[in-house]
């Protein structure tokens, strides 16, 4: 049960990161990334710091001011935010002593699975948006295998 909780917590963090990616890709669309003078570098550095400081709710609120979502995507993203807030602030409190019996743990595992699926769906929607913004901006989306190899080289 605790392993599943950790997996869902990771999905929540990945979702939050993707919302930040939407913000960064949107600004790249209008500010460009090809010619990075010191002023643009400072702007992106400050933007990244601001994105990293905001909560998921704060980021989504910001994204909604710059992107108009269709009704279905908006529902998916808003549900994921509600689920994330519940997961973070109320999940264990809601289940109280359920963890101490098999049926309770089973119910908790199912709920964690459902929450994780909501996070995955919202992440997929937002990742698609990020990808489209990057494509329109002319930013090449690197191959994941290439990114992994680059990260390995940079660590050594």
Protein backbone atom coordinates (compact mmCIF):
# COMPACT_ATOMS: atom_id res chain seq x y z
CA UNK A 1 0.00 0.00 0.00
CA UNK A 2 2.80 2.40 0.84
CA UNK A 3 4.56 1.55 -2.44
CA UNK A 4 1.38 2.44 -4.35
CA UNK A 5 1.14 5.68 -2.37
CA UNK A 6 4.68 6.51 -3.46
CA UNK A 7 3.86 5.76 -7.09
CA UNK A 8 0.85 8.05 -6.97
CA UNK A 9 2.91 10.77 -5.27
CA UNK A 10 5.41 10.54 -8.13
CA UNK A 11 2.58 10.85 -10.68
CA UNK A 12 1.39 13.98 -8.86
CA UNK A 13 4.88 15.49 -9.13
CA UNK A 14 5.15 14.58 -12.81
CA UNK A 15 1.79 16.25 -13.41
CA UNK A 16 2.97 19.39 -11.63
CA UNK A 17 6.15 19.42 -13.72
CA UNK A 18 4.11 19.13 -16.91
CA UNK A 19 1.99 22.13 -15.97
CA UNK A 20 5.25 24.06 -15.59
CA UNK A 21 6.34 22.79 -18.99
CA UNK A 22 3.15 24.21 -20.51
CA UNK A 23 3.97 27.63 -19.04
CA UNK A 24 7.56 27.52 -20.29
CA UNK A 25 6.55 26.28 -23.76
CA UNK A 26 3.90 29.00 -24.02
CA UNK A 27 6.39 31.72 -23.23
CA UNK A 28 8.90 30.17 -25.63
CA UNK A 29 6.28 30.43 -28.35
CA UNK A 30 6.09 34.20 -27.99
CA UNK A 31 9.60 34.99 -26.83
CA UNK A 32 11.64 32.56 -28.87
CA UNK A 33 14.61 30.52 -27.76
CA UNK A 34 16.91 30.65 -30.79
CA UNK A 35 18.71 33.86 -29.89
CA UNK A 36 19.22 33.89 -26.13
CA UNK A 37 20.76 37.17 -25.00
CA UNK A 38 21.38 37.85 -21.32
CA UNK A 39 17.98 39.53 -20.92
CA UNK A 40 16.13 36.46 -22.24
CA UNK A 41 18.25 34.12 -20.13
CA UNK A 42 17.40 36.15 -17.05
CA UNK A 43 13.70 36.19 -18.01
CA UNK A 44 13.58 32.41 -18.42
CA UNK A 45 15.55 31.91 -15.21
CA UNK A 46 13.08 34.07 -13.28
CA UNK A 47 10.14 32.33 -14.96
CA UNK A 48 11.53 28.93 -14.05
CA UNK A 49 12.00 30.04 -10.43
CA UNK A 50 8.42 31.31 -10.33
CA UNK A 51 7.10 28.06 -11.82
CA UNK A 52 9.06 26.00 -9.30
CA UNK A 53 7.65 28.01 -6.37
CA UNK A 54 4.00 27.65 -7.32
CA UNK A 55 1.72 24.86 -6.20
CA UNK A 56 -0.13 22.74 -8.74
CA UNK A 57 -3.26 24.80 -8.13
CA UNK A 58 -1.35 28.05 -8.57
CA UNK A 59 0.26 26.82 -11.77
CA UNK A 60 -3.05 25.66 -13.22
CA UNK A 61 -4.66 28.97 -12.34
CA UNK A 62 -1.85 30.71 -14.22
CA UNK A 63 -2.09 28.35 -17.20
CA UNK A 64 -5.84 28.97 -17.44
CA UNK A 65 -5.12 32.69 -17.93
CA UNK A 66 -2.94 31.99 -20.98
CA UNK A 67 -4.53 28.87 -22.51
CA UNK A 68 -8.18 28.27 -23.32
CA UNK A 69 -8.97 24.62 -22.68
CA UNK A 70 -11.86 22.77 -24.27
CA UNK A 71 -14.50 21.63 -21.77
CA UNK A 72 -13.34 18.00 -21.63
CA UNK A 73 -9.68 18.87 -21.05
CA UNK A 74 -10.65 21.45 -18.45
CA UNK A 75 -12.71 18.83 -16.61
CA UNK A 76 -9.81 16.35 -16.73
CA UNK A 77 -7.31 18.90 -15.41
CA UNK A 78 -9.64 20.24 -12.72
CA UNK A 79 -10.49 16.71 -11.56
CA UNK A 80 -6.79 15.88 -11.35
CA UNK A 81 -6.22 18.97 -9.21
CA UNK A 82 -9.10 18.01 -6.90
CA UNK A 83 -7.74 14.45 -6.67
CA UNK A 84 -4.24 15.74 -5.96
CA UNK A 85 -5.47 17.98 -3.16
CA UNK A 86 -7.49 15.13 -1.68
CA UNK A 87 -4.57 12.71 -2.02
CA UNK A 88 -2.12 15.09 -0.40
CA UNK A 89 -4.30 16.49 2.37
CA UNK A 90 -7.04 13.99 3.14
CA UNK A 91 -6.42 10.47 1.81
CA UNK A 92 -5.02 8.85 4.94
CA UNK A 93 -7.21 10.88 7.26
CA UNK A 94 -10.30 9.81 5.30
CA UNK A 95 -9.38 6.16 5.55
CA UNK A 96 -8.45 6.44 9.21
CA UNK A 97 -8.22 2.85 10.50
CA UNK A 98 -8.88 1.15 7.15
CA UNK A 99 -5.21 0.38 6.80
CA UNK A 100 -5.41 -2.10 9.65
CA UNK A 101 -7.60 -4.65 7.86
CA UNK A 102 -7.38 -6.39 4.51
CA UNK A 103 -10.65 -5.03 3.10
CA UNK A 104 -9.70 -1.49 4.08
CA UNK A 105 -6.27 -1.78 2.48
CA UNK A 106 -7.84 -3.21 -0.67
CA UNK A 107 -10.22 -0.26 -0.85
CA UNK A 108 -7.33 2.15 -0.31
CA UNK A 109 -5.26 0.50 -3.05
CA UNK A 110 -8.16 0.76 -5.49
CA UNK A 111 -8.65 4.41 -4.69
CA UNK A 112 -4.93 5.09 -5.12
CA UNK A 113 -5.07 3.34 -8.50
CA UNK A 114 -8.02 5.51 -9.54
CA UNK A 115 -6.28 8.68 -8.41
CA UNK A 116 -3.14 7.70 -10.31
CA UNK A 117 -5.18 7.11 -13.46
CA UNK A 118 -6.63 10.63 -13.19
CA UNK A 119 -3.10 12.00 -12.87
CA UNK A 120 -1.96 10.00 -15.91
CA UNK A 121 -4.85 11.28 -18.03
CA UNK A 122 -4.28 14.91 -17.06
CA UNK A 123 -0.55 14.50 -17.65
CA UNK A 124 -1.20 13.09 -21.13
CA UNK A 125 -3.45 16.06 -22.00
CA UNK A 126 -0.93 18.59 -20.75
CA UNK A 127 2.04 16.80 -22.35
CA UNK A 128 0.22 16.92 -25.69
CA UNK A 129 -0.29 20.66 -25.22
CA UNK A 130 3.37 21.15 -24.33
CA UNK A 131 4.40 19.16 -27.39
CA UNK A 132 2.21 21.22 -29.69
CA UNK A 133 3.48 24.51 -28.24
CA UNK A 134 7.07 23.33 -28.66
CA UNK A 135 6.41 22.21 -32.22
CA UNK A 136 4.81 25.55 -33.13
CA UNK A 137 7.76 27.32 -31.47
CA UNK A 138 10.20 25.35 -33.58
CA UNK A 139 11.71 23.64 -30.56
CA UNK A 140 12.76 20.09 -31.36
CA UNK A 141 11.40 17.54 -28.94
CA UNK A 142 14.35 15.29 -28.07
CA UNK A 143 14.10 11.55 -28.24
CA UNK A 144 13.83 10.12 -24.67
CA UNK A 145 16.69 7.66 -25.29
CA UNK A 146 18.92 10.55 -26.37
CA UNK A 147 17.98 12.50 -23.26
CA UNK A 148 18.83 9.55 -21.02
CA UNK A 149 22.22 9.08 -22.69
CA UNK A 150 22.99 12.80 -22.37
CA UNK A 151 22.06 12.74 -18.68
CA UNK A 152 24.32 9.73 -18.09
CA UNK A 153 27.27 11.46 -19.80
CA UNK A 154 26.72 14.67 -17.82
CA UNK A 155 26.72 12.79 -14.51
CA UNK A 156 30.17 11.37 -15.10
